[in-house]
Amino acid sequence: MTVWAGKLLAVRVWGGSADAGGRMAEATESEYRLLNAMSETTQYSLVELVESSGVKRQQVGRLLAELIAEGYVTKYEQGGRAEYRLSPHGVGKRTMMRGLAKDGPVGWGDFLKAASSAHHQAGIAATREQMAEVPLTDDDRDRCDASLRQQHEQRLITSAELMRRQRMLAAAVTHGQLREVFDGLRPPPFYGEGLPPAQHPLQQVGSAIQAGSLALRLLFCLPFFLAGIGILKGASTPEEFLGAAMFLGGSIFFAYPALRTIFSMLRSSRTSNPPR
């Protein structure tokens, strides 16, 4: 578990003393607002971050220093002034905090889901960074132009803005220059945006444990079921029929939850992977 995830869970899951918990919650809220005001593709000055986040200037400066030291924010010198944007790790941290920002305690299921989403978003941001100097192909340009036209049809940009961005697209040479073309818009899924987040390793462990418990439950019920079948075959008295019914009924009763879970998983698998 990363340090920032531990800090957040300390507030959201376990709590703490009233004073310490209040100070930590306030610091976490300010950091959350600052991260939400930042982007991995657009750089912001200190003044812009103070205005957009609503956090006091002194606190923004302190938080930025901490985030830069921890590798979540990258600092640039632009025309004699400092500008900031999120690093791939910062994108993951923001996603994690968004996933855990809810009323009431955060369960481990929520935490693992948020961690998987954070890892996925950080991977997308890292891929975008790695492809910044990769030249654009004709197919890339066609996809970008189609995306701009679609968002124009959705009235997200005006006709004049569409033409301006198309001129910028025509002049762009690398993927990194697409940041300005799609500033404030949704870019095409070049960097893995369309792929579902991979399961957190602990989720995979939990799935394996669940599968093992289902198998053990069925194995435990099997001898009683077979004993009931054997008694039923040789039964000739009411007592023997009753005994067979008890063995069969008991084994089916205890195996039913496992069988229901297995059939539910099979139905879900068929729904998510329809036959071709």
C-alpha atoms as a PDB file:
ATOM      1  CA  MET A   1       0.000   0.000   0.000  1.00  0.00           C
ATOM      2  CA  THR A   2       1.367   3.378  -0.947  1.00  0.00           C
ATOM      3  CA  VAL A   3       1.891   6.144   1.590  1.00  0.00           C
ATOM      4  CA  TRP A   4      -0.858   8.384   0.230  1.00  0.00           C
ATOM      5  CA  ALA A   5      -3.363   5.528   0.145  1.00  0.00           C
ATOM      6  CA  GLY A   6      -2.497   4.745   3.755  1.00  0.00           C
ATOM      7  CA  LYS A   7      -3.032   8.392   4.766  1.00  0.00           C
ATOM      8  CA  LEU A   8      -6.409   8.493   3.087  1.00  0.00           C
ATOM      9  CA  LEU A   9      -7.565   5.207   4.538  1.00  0.00           C
ATOM     10  CA  ALA A  10      -6.491   6.375   7.981  1.00  0.00           C
ATOM     11  CA  VAL A  11      -9.083   9.122   7.673  1.00  0.00           C
ATOM     12  CA  ARG A  12     -11.801   7.281   5.764  1.00  0.00           C
ATOM     13  CA  VAL A  13     -11.585   3.779   7.235  1.00  0.00           C
ATOM     14  CA  TRP A  14     -10.059   3.751  10.697  1.00  0.00           C
ATOM     15  CA  GLY A  15     -10.407   7.380  11.798  1.00  0.00           C
ATOM     16  CA  GLY A  16      -8.317   8.423  14.816  1.00  0.00           C
ATOM     17  CA  SER A  17      -8.365  11.080  17.499  1.00  0.00           C
ATOM     18  CA  ALA A  18     -10.706  14.021  16.892  1.00  0.00           C
ATOM     19  CA  ASP A  19      -7.954  16.651  16.550  1.00  0.00           C
ATOM     20  CA  ALA A  20      -5.496  14.548  14.533  1.00  0.00           C
ATOM     21  CA  GLY A  21      -8.268  13.121  12.367  1.00  0.00           C
ATOM     22  CA  GLY A  22      -9.664  16.595  11.723  1.00  0.00           C
ATOM     23  CA  ARG A  23      -6.270  18.010  10.699  1.00  0.00           C
ATOM     24  CA  MET A  24      -5.553  15.025   8.459  1.00  0.00           C
ATOM     25  CA  ALA A  25      -9.017  15.222   6.882  1.00  0.00           C
ATOM     26  CA  GLU A  26      -8.518  18.937   6.189  1.00  0.00           C
ATOM     27  CA  ALA A  27      -5.100  18.341   4.620  1.00  0.00           C
ATOM     28  CA  THR A  28      -6.474  15.467   2.537  1.00  0.00           C
ATOM     29  CA  GLU A  29      -9.403  17.593   1.347  1.00  0.00           C
ATOM     30  CA  SER A  30      -7.064  20.420   0.262  1.00  0.00           C
ATOM     31  CA  GLU A  31      -4.799  17.971  -1.537  1.00  0.00           C
ATOM     32  CA  TYR A  32      -7.817  16.380  -3.212  1.00  0.00           C
ATOM     33  CA  ARG A  33      -9.063  19.757  -4.455  1.00  0.00           C
ATOM     34  CA  LEU A  34      -5.597  20.669  -5.735  1.00  0.00           C
ATOM     35  CA  LEU A  35      -5.194  17.379  -7.623  1.00  0.00           C
ATOM     36  CA  ASN A  36      -8.631  17.804  -9.175  1.00  0.00           C
ATOM     37  CA  ALA A  37      -7.597  21.264 -10.403  1.00  0.00           C
ATOM     38  CA  MET A  38      -4.565  19.805 -12.204  1.00  0.00           C
ATOM     39  CA  SER A  39      -4.137  17.849 -15.427  1.00  0.00           C
ATOM     40  CA  GLU A  40      -1.505  15.508 -16.861  1.00  0.00           C
ATOM     41  CA  THR A  41      -1.647  17.291 -20.230  1.00  0.00           C
ATOM     42  CA  THR A  42      -1.988  20.975 -19.302  1.00  0.00           C
ATOM     43  CA  GLN A  43       0.409  23.054 -17.223  1.00  0.00           C
ATOM     44  CA  TYR A  44      -0.848  25.551 -14.641  1.00  0.00           C
ATOM     45  CA  SER A  45       0.796  28.405 -12.793  1.00  0.00           C
ATOM     46  CA  LEU A  46       0.580  28.804  -9.024  1.00  0.00           C
ATOM     47  CA  VAL A  47      -1.964  31.617  -9.393  1.00  0.00           C
ATOM     48  CA  GLU A  48      -4.161  29.504 -11.681  1.00  0.00           C
ATOM     49  CA  LEU A  49      -4.083  26.595  -9.222  1.00  0.00           C
ATOM     50  CA  VAL A  50      -5.026  28.838  -6.295  1.00  0.00           C
ATOM     51  CA  GLU A  51      -7.998  30.212  -8.242  1.00  0.00           C
ATOM     52  CA  SER A  52      -9.238  26.873  -9.614  1.00  0.00           C
ATOM     53  CA  SER A  53      -8.736  24.804  -6.437  1.00  0.00           C
ATOM     54  CA  GLY A  54     -10.010  27.320  -3.900  1.00  0.00           C
ATOM     55  CA  VAL A  55      -7.117  26.434  -1.570  1.00  0.00           C
ATOM     56  CA  LYS A  56      -5.108  29.199   0.097  1.00  0.00           C
ATOM     57  CA  ARG A  57      -1.945  30.266  -1.727  1.00  0.00           C
ATOM     58  CA  GLN A  58       0.385  29.349   1.146  1.00  0.00           C
ATOM     59  CA  GLN A  59      -1.148  25.887   1.439  1.00  0.00           C
ATOM     60  CA  VAL A  60      -1.013  25.344  -2.335  1.00  0.00           C
ATOM     61  CA  GLY A  61       2.710  26.147  -2.296  1.00  0.00           C
ATOM     62  CA  ARG A  62       3.330  23.704   0.556  1.00  0.00           C
ATOM     63  CA  LEU A  63       1.253  20.936  -1.049  1.00  0.00           C
ATOM     64  CA  LEU A  64       2.979  21.417  -4.413  1.00  0.00           C
ATOM     65  CA  ALA A  65       6.403  21.078  -2.766  1.00  0.00           C
ATOM     66  CA  GLU A  66       5.307  17.821  -1.108  1.00  0.00           C
ATOM     67  CA  LEU A  67       3.745  16.449  -4.304  1.00  0.00           C
ATOM     68  CA  ILE A  68       6.836  17.299  -6.351  1.00  0.00           C
ATOM     69  CA  ALA A  69       9.102  15.620  -3.791  1.00  0.00           C
ATOM     70  CA  GLU A  70       6.921  12.494  -3.875  1.00  0.00           C
ATOM     71  CA  GLY A  71       6.882  12.395  -7.712  1.00  0.00           C
ATOM     72  CA  TYR A  72       3.183  13.173  -8.181  1.00  0.00           C
ATOM     73  CA  VAL A  73       3.635  16.614  -9.783  1.00  0.00           C
ATOM     74  CA  THR A  74       6.157  17.793 -12.374  1.00  0.00           C
ATOM     75  CA  LYS A  75       7.452  21.362 -12.308  1.00  0.00           C
ATOM     76  CA  TYR A  76       8.380  23.297 -15.463  1.00  0.00           C
ATOM     77  CA  GLU A  77       9.993  26.687 -15.976  1.00  0.00           C
ATOM     78  CA  GLN A  78       8.013  28.596 -18.618  1.00  0.00           C
ATOM     79  CA  GLY A  79       9.006  32.143 -19.532  1.00  0.00           C
ATOM     80  CA  GLY A  80      10.489  32.898 -16.137  1.00  0.00           C
ATOM     81  CA  ARG A  81       7.607  31.448 -14.130  1.00  0.00           C
ATOM     82  CA  ALA A  82       6.962  27.995 -12.714  1.00  0.00           C
ATOM     83  CA  GLU A  83       4.150  25.832 -14.077  1.00  0.00           C
ATOM     84  CA  TYR A  84       2.915  22.463 -12.836  1.00  0.00           C
ATOM     85  CA  ARG A  85       1.108  19.394 -14.087  1.00  0.00           C
ATOM     86  CA  LEU A  86       0.447  15.870 -12.865  1.00  0.00           C
ATOM     87  CA  SER A  87       2.918  13.047 -13.452  1.00  0.00           C
ATOM     88  CA  PRO A  88       1.595   9.549 -14.285  1.00  0.00           C
ATOM     89  CA  HIS A  89       1.885   8.661 -10.578  1.00  0.00           C
ATOM     90  CA  GLY A  90      -0.071  11.804  -9.768  1.00  0.00           C
ATOM     91  CA  VAL A  91      -2.836  10.756 -12.153  1.00  0.00           C
ATOM     92  CA  GLY A  92      -3.064   7.459 -10.285  1.00  0.00           C
ATOM     93  CA  LYS A  93      -3.147   9.208  -6.930  1.00  0.00           C
ATOM     94  CA  ARG A  94      -5.955  11.515  -8.051  1.00  0.00           C
ATOM     95  CA  THR A  95      -7.931   8.549  -9.391  1.00  0.00           C
ATOM     96  CA  MET A  96      -7.434   6.701  -6.117  1.00  0.00           C
ATOM     97  CA  MET A  97      -8.650   9.648  -4.069  1.00  0.00           C
ATOM     98  CA  ARG A  98     -11.676  10.072  -6.339  1.00  0.00           C
ATOM     99  CA  GLY A  99     -12.520   6.396  -5.940  1.00  0.00           C
ATOM    100  CA  LEU A 100     -12.430   6.646  -2.136  1.00  0.00           C
ATOM    101  CA  ALA A 101     -14.157  10.037  -1.835  1.00  0.00           C
ATOM    102  CA  LYS A 102     -17.514   8.916  -0.435  1.00  0.00           C
ATOM    103  CA  ASP A 103     -19.566   9.309   2.687  1.00  0.00           C
ATOM    104  CA  GLY A 104     -19.168   6.642   5.343  1.00  0.00           C
ATOM    105  CA  PRO A 105     -16.380   4.072   5.843  1.00  0.00           C
ATOM    106  CA  VAL A 106     -14.481   2.677   2.882  1.00  0.00           C
ATOM    107  CA  GLY A 107     -14.454  -1.123   2.674  1.00  0.00           C
ATOM    108  CA  TRP A 108     -11.621  -3.216   1.304  1.00  0.00           C
ATOM    109  CA  GLY A 109     -13.649  -3.924  -1.838  1.00  0.00           C
ATOM    110  CA  ASP A 110     -13.872  -0.169  -2.517  1.00  0.00           C
ATOM    111  CA  PHE A 111     -10.161   0.214  -1.837  1.00  0.00           C
ATOM    112  CA  LEU A 112      -9.134  -2.608  -4.199  1.00  0.00           C
ATOM    113  CA  LYS A 113     -11.425  -1.321  -6.945  1.00  0.00           C
ATOM    114  CA  ALA A 114     -10.022   2.197  -6.559  1.00  0.00           C
ATOM    115  CA  ALA A 115      -6.452   0.838  -6.542  1.00  0.00           C
ATOM    116  CA  SER A 116      -7.045  -1.067  -9.794  1.00  0.00           C
ATOM    117  CA  SER A 117      -8.525   2.024 -11.453  1.00  0.00           C
ATOM    118  CA  ALA A 118      -5.633   4.168 -10.182  1.00  0.00           C
ATOM    119  CA  HIS A 119      -3.048   1.753 -11.600  1.00  0.00           C
ATOM    120  CA  HIS A 120      -4.896   1.720 -14.936  1.00  0.00           C
ATOM    121  CA  GLN A 121      -5.082   5.512 -15.207  1.00  0.00           C
ATOM    122  CA  ALA A 122      -1.428   5.875 -14.212  1.00  0.00           C
ATOM    123  CA  GLY A 123      -0.531   3.413 -16.986  1.00  0.00           C
ATOM    124  CA  ILE A 124      -2.464   5.471 -19.532  1.00  0.00           C
ATOM    125  CA  ALA A 125      -0.681   8.644 -18.433  1.00  0.00           C
ATOM    126  CA  ALA A 126       2.712   6.888 -18.582  1.00  0.00           C
ATOM    127  CA  THR A 127       1.993   5.594 -22.094  1.00  0.00           C
ATOM    128  CA  ARG A 128       1.005   9.108 -23.167  1.00  0.00           C
ATOM    129  CA  GLU A 129       4.329  10.396 -21.807  1.00  0.00           C
ATOM    130  CA  GLN A 130       6.296   7.669 -23.616  1.00  0.00           C
ATOM    131  CA  MET A 131       4.558   8.355 -26.942  1.00  0.00           C
ATOM    132  CA  ALA A 132       4.987  12.131 -26.734  1.00  0.00           C
ATOM    133  CA  GLU A 133       7.818  12.095 -29.318  1.00  0.00           C
ATOM    134  CA  VAL A 134       6.301   9.377 -31.545  1.00  0.00           C
ATOM    135  CA  PRO A 135       5.425  10.777 -35.009  1.00  0.00           C
ATOM    136  CA  LEU A 136       1.758  10.903 -35.988  1.00  0.00           C
ATOM    137  CA  THR A 137       0.647   8.576 -38.778  1.00  0.00           C
ATOM    138  CA  ASP A 138      -2.065   9.265 -41.349  1.00  0.00           C
ATOM    139  CA  ASP A 139      -4.346   6.886 -39.465  1.00  0.00           C
ATOM    140  CA  ASP A 140      -3.681   8.812 -36.223  1.00  0.00           C
ATOM    141  CA  ARG A 141      -4.638  12.063 -37.953  1.00  0.00           C
ATOM    142  CA  ASP A 142      -7.819  10.530 -39.370  1.00  0.00           C
ATOM    143  CA  ARG A 143      -8.852   9.305 -35.929  1.00  0.00           C
ATOM    144  CA  CYS A 144      -8.134  12.695 -34.382  1.00  0.00           C
ATOM    145  CA  ASP A 145     -10.106  14.501 -37.065  1.00  0.00           C
ATOM    146  CA  ALA A 146     -13.045  12.126 -36.615  1.00  0.00           C
ATOM    147  CA  SER A 147     -12.950  12.709 -32.846  1.00  0.00           C
ATOM    148  CA  LEU A 148     -12.963  16.496 -33.306  1.00  0.00           C
ATOM    149  CA  ARG A 149     -15.887  16.289 -35.738  1.00  0.00           C
ATOM    150  CA  GLN A 150     -17.832  14.043 -33.386  1.00  0.00           C
ATOM    151  CA  GLN A 151     -17.371  16.445 -30.473  1.00  0.00           C
ATOM    152  CA  HIS A 152     -18.414  19.301 -32.740  1.00  0.00           C
ATOM    153  CA  GLU A 153     -21.604  17.378 -33.580  1.00  0.00           C
ATOM    154  CA  GLN A 154     -22.156  16.977 -29.840  1.00  0.00           C
ATOM    155  CA  ARG A 155     -21.869  20.794 -29.609  1.00  0.00           C
ATOM    156  CA  LEU A 156     -18.851  20.643 -27.325  1.00  0.00           C
ATOM    157  CA  ILE A 157     -17.034  23.064 -29.631  1.00  0.00           C
ATOM    158  CA  THR A 158     -18.179  25.643 -32.187  1.00  0.00           C
ATOM    159  CA  SER A 159     -17.533  25.467 -35.927  1.00  0.00           C
ATOM    160  CA  ALA A 160     -14.846  28.143 -35.610  1.00  0.00           C
ATOM    161  CA  GLU A 161     -13.164  26.216 -32.804  1.00  0.00           C
ATOM    162  CA  LEU A 162     -13.339  23.022 -34.869  1.00  0.00           C
ATOM    163  CA  MET A 163     -11.534  24.711 -37.753  1.00  0.00           C
ATOM    164  CA  ARG A 164      -8.909  26.163 -35.401  1.00  0.00           C
ATOM    165  CA  ARG A 165      -8.174  22.782 -33.875  1.00  0.00           C
ATOM    166  CA  GLN A 166      -8.100  21.099 -37.294  1.00  0.00           C
ATOM    167  CA  ARG A 167      -5.411  23.588 -38.363  1.00  0.00           C
ATOM    168  CA  MET A 168      -3.468  22.733 -35.195  1.00  0.00           C
ATOM    169  CA  LEU A 169      -3.881  19.033 -36.005  1.00  0.00           C
ATOM    170  CA  ALA A 170      -2.555  19.564 -39.540  1.00  0.00           C
ATOM    171  CA  ALA A 171       0.521  21.292 -38.105  1.00  0.00           C
ATOM    172  CA  ALA A 172       1.099  18.685 -35.364  1.00  0.00           C
ATOM    173  CA  VAL A 173       3.975  16.264 -35.933  1.00  0.00           C
ATOM    174  CA  THR A 174       4.128  14.150 -32.757  1.00  0.00           C
ATOM    175  CA  HIS A 175       1.656  12.704 -30.253  1.00  0.00           C
ATOM    176  CA  GLY A 176       2.826  15.187 -27.644  1.00  0.00           C
ATOM    177  CA  GLN A 177       1.491  18.055 -29.771  1.00  0.00           C
ATOM    178  CA  LEU A 178      -2.000  16.532 -29.599  1.00  0.00           C
ATOM    179  CA  ARG A 179      -2.244  17.858 -26.052  1.00  0.00           C
ATOM    180  CA  GLU A 180      -2.919  21.347 -27.376  1.00  0.00           C
ATOM    181  CA  VAL A 181      -5.219  20.055 -30.115  1.00  0.00           C
ATOM    182  CA  PHE A 182      -7.463  18.288 -27.567  1.00  0.00           C
ATOM    183  CA  ASP A 183      -7.020  20.685 -24.662  1.00  0.00           C
ATOM    184  CA  GLY A 184     -10.296  20.452 -22.737  1.00  0.00           C
ATOM    185  CA  LEU A 185     -11.677  17.763 -25.076  1.00  0.00           C
ATOM    186  CA  ARG A 186     -11.687  13.974 -25.162  1.00  0.00           C
ATOM    187  CA  PRO A 187      -8.764  12.636 -27.274  1.00  0.00           C
ATOM    188  CA  PRO A 188      -8.957   9.369 -29.234  1.00  0.00           C
ATOM    189  CA  PRO A 189      -8.078   6.255 -27.187  1.00  0.00           C
ATOM    190  CA  PHE A 190      -4.473   5.962 -28.366  1.00  0.00           C
ATOM    191  CA  TYR A 191      -2.960   5.070 -24.997  1.00  0.00           C
ATOM    192  CA  GLY A 192      -5.104   2.229 -23.613  1.00  0.00           C
ATOM    193  CA  GLU A 193      -8.155   4.213 -22.525  1.00  0.00           C
ATOM    194  CA  GLY A 194     -10.506   1.652 -24.069  1.00  0.00           C
ATOM    195  CA  LEU A 195      -9.085  -1.299 -22.131  1.00  0.00           C
ATOM    196  CA  PRO A 196     -10.746  -2.375 -18.848  1.00  0.00           C
ATOM    197  CA  PRO A 197      -8.675  -1.988 -15.651  1.00  0.00           C
ATOM    198  CA  ALA A 198      -6.824  -5.140 -14.622  1.00  0.00           C
ATOM    199  CA  GLN A 199      -7.805  -6.710 -11.326  1.00  0.00           C
ATOM    200  CA  HIS A 200      -5.754  -5.794  -8.264  1.00  0.00           C
ATOM    201  CA  PRO A 201      -3.561  -8.769  -7.167  1.00  0.00           C
ATOM    202  CA  LEU A 202      -5.528  -9.021  -3.918  1.00  0.00           C
ATOM    203  CA  GLN A 203      -8.747  -9.276  -5.926  1.00  0.00           C
ATOM    204  CA  GLN A 204      -7.222 -12.208  -7.813  1.00  0.00           C
ATOM    205  CA  VAL A 205      -6.243 -13.813  -4.510  1.00  0.00           C
ATOM    206  CA  GLY A 206      -9.788 -13.300  -3.249  1.00  0.00           C
ATOM    207  CA  SER A 207     -11.206 -14.934  -6.377  1.00  0.00           C
ATOM    208  CA  ALA A 208      -8.878 -17.907  -5.909  1.00  0.00           C
ATOM    209  CA  ILE A 209      -9.909 -18.252  -2.259  1.00  0.00           C
ATOM    210  CA  GLN A 210     -13.583 -18.110  -3.242  1.00  0.00           C
ATOM    211  CA  ALA A 211     -13.076 -20.807  -5.900  1.00  0.00           C
ATOM    212  CA  GLY A 212     -11.242 -22.981  -3.364  1.00  0.00           C
ATOM    213  CA  SER A 213     -13.977 -22.614  -0.759  1.00  0.00           C
ATOM    214  CA  LEU A 214     -16.642 -23.558  -3.323  1.00  0.00           C
ATOM    215  CA  ALA A 215     -14.689 -26.661  -4.308  1.00  0.00           C
ATOM    216  CA  LEU A 216     -14.191 -27.702  -0.662  1.00  0.00           C
ATOM    217  CA  ARG A 217     -17.903 -27.237   0.062  1.00  0.00           C
ATOM    218  CA  LEU A 218     -18.844 -29.463  -2.865  1.00  0.00           C
ATOM    219  CA  LEU A 219     -16.259 -32.083  -1.913  1.00  0.00           C
ATOM    220  CA  PHE A 220     -17.568 -32.100   1.673  1.00  0.00           C
ATOM    221  CA  CYS A 221     -21.147 -32.693   0.455  1.00  0.00           C
ATOM    222  CA  LEU A 222     -20.247 -35.370  -2.120  1.00  0.00           C
ATOM    223  CA  PRO A 223     -19.742 -38.335   0.321  1.00  0.00           C
ATOM    224  CA  PHE A 224     -23.111 -37.627   1.986  1.00  0.00           C
ATOM    225  CA  PHE A 225     -24.828 -37.423  -1.394  1.00  0.00           C
ATOM    226  CA  LEU A 226     -23.279 -40.732  -2.507  1.00  0.00           C
ATOM    227  CA  ALA A 227     -24.223 -42.337   0.818  1.00  0.00           C
ATOM    228  CA  GLY A 228     -27.819 -41.214   0.313  1.00  0.00           C
ATOM    229  CA  ILE A 229     -27.849 -42.739  -3.181  1.00  0.00           C
ATOM    230  CA  GLY A 230     -26.458 -46.005  -1.804  1.00  0.00           C
ATOM    231  CA  ILE A 231     -29.035 -46.172   0.987  1.00  0.00           C
ATOM    232  CA  LEU A 232     -31.851 -45.324  -1.443  1.00  0.00           C
ATOM    233  CA  LYS A 233     -30.891 -48.179  -3.790  1.00  0.00           C
ATOM    234  CA  GLY A 234     -31.101 -50.785  -1.031  1.00  0.00           C
ATOM    235  CA  ALA A 235     -33.945 -49.207   0.948  1.00  0.00           C
ATOM    236  CA  SER A 236     -36.953 -51.413   1.762  1.00  0.00           C
ATOM    237  CA  THR A 237     -38.351 -49.879   4.961  1.00  0.00           C
ATOM    238  CA  PRO A 238     -39.702 -46.394   5.756  1.00  0.00           C
ATOM    239  CA  GLU A 239     -36.764 -45.792   8.109  1.00  0.00           C
ATOM    240  CA  GLU A 240     -34.271 -46.527   5.340  1.00  0.00           C
ATOM    241  CA  PHE A 241     -36.097 -44.248   2.894  1.00  0.00           C
ATOM    242  CA  LEU A 242     -36.130 -41.527   5.552  1.00  0.00           C
ATOM    243  CA  GLY A 243     -32.398 -41.957   6.143  1.00  0.00           C
ATOM    244  CA  ALA A 244     -31.687 -41.717   2.401  1.00  0.00           C
ATOM    245  CA  ALA A 245     -33.824 -38.578   2.175  1.00  0.00           C
ATOM    246  CA  MET A 246     -31.940 -37.026   5.093  1.00  0.00           C
ATOM    247  CA  PHE A 247     -28.547 -37.695   3.505  1.00  0.00           C
ATOM    248  CA  LEU A 248     -29.629 -36.514   0.052  1.00  0.00           C
ATOM    249  CA  GLY A 249     -31.572 -33.505   1.311  1.00  0.00           C
ATOM    250  CA  GLY A 250     -28.795 -32.424   3.681  1.00  0.00           C
ATOM    251  CA  SER A 251     -26.071 -32.673   1.053  1.00  0.00           C
ATOM    252  CA  ILE A 252     -28.153 -30.775  -1.534  1.00  0.00           C
ATOM    253  CA  PHE A 253     -29.054 -28.127   1.057  1.00  0.00           C
ATOM    254  CA  PHE A 254     -25.384 -27.438   1.935  1.00  0.00           C
ATOM    255  CA  ALA A 255     -24.199 -27.662  -1.697  1.00  0.00           C
ATOM    256  CA  TYR A 256     -26.927 -25.379  -3.076  1.00  0.00           C
ATOM    257  CA  PRO A 257     -25.206 -22.004  -2.229  1.00  0.00           C
ATOM    258  CA  ALA A 258     -22.006 -23.158  -3.941  1.00  0.00           C
ATOM    259  CA  LEU A 259     -23.878 -24.438  -6.993  1.00  0.00           C
ATOM    260  CA  ARG A 260     -25.883 -21.218  -7.220  1.00  0.00           C
ATOM    261  CA  THR A 261     -22.671 -19.149  -7.115  1.00  0.00           C
ATOM    262  CA  ILE A 262     -21.048 -21.316  -9.808  1.00  0.00           C
ATOM    263  CA  PHE A 263     -24.054 -21.062 -12.132  1.00  0.00           C
ATOM    264  CA  SER A 264     -24.208 -17.298 -11.558  1.00  0.00           C
ATOM    265  CA  MET A 265     -20.517 -16.975 -12.489  1.00  0.00           C
ATOM    266  CA  LEU A 266     -21.071 -19.068 -15.635  1.00  0.00           C
ATOM    267  CA  ARG A 267     -24.011 -16.888 -16.698  1.00  0.00           C
ATOM    268  CA  SER A 268     -21.964 -13.731 -16.127  1.00  0.00           C
ATOM    269  CA  SER A 269     -19.095 -15.167 -18.160  1.00  0.00           C
ATOM    270  CA  ARG A 270     -21.387 -16.001 -21.073  1.00  0.00           C
ATOM    271  CA  THR A 271     -22.935 -12.546 -20.952  1.00  0.00           C
ATOM    272  CA  SER A 272     -19.572 -10.738 -20.972  1.00  0.00           C
ATOM    273  CA  ASN A 273     -18.121 -13.101 -23.635  1.00  0.00           C
ATOM    274  CA  PRO A 274     -20.927 -13.872 -26.105  1.00  0.00           C
ATOM    275  CA  PRO A 275     -20.264 -16.672 -28.622  1.00  0.00           C
ATOM    276  CA  ARG A 276     -18.904 -15.543 -31.974  1.00  0.00           C
END
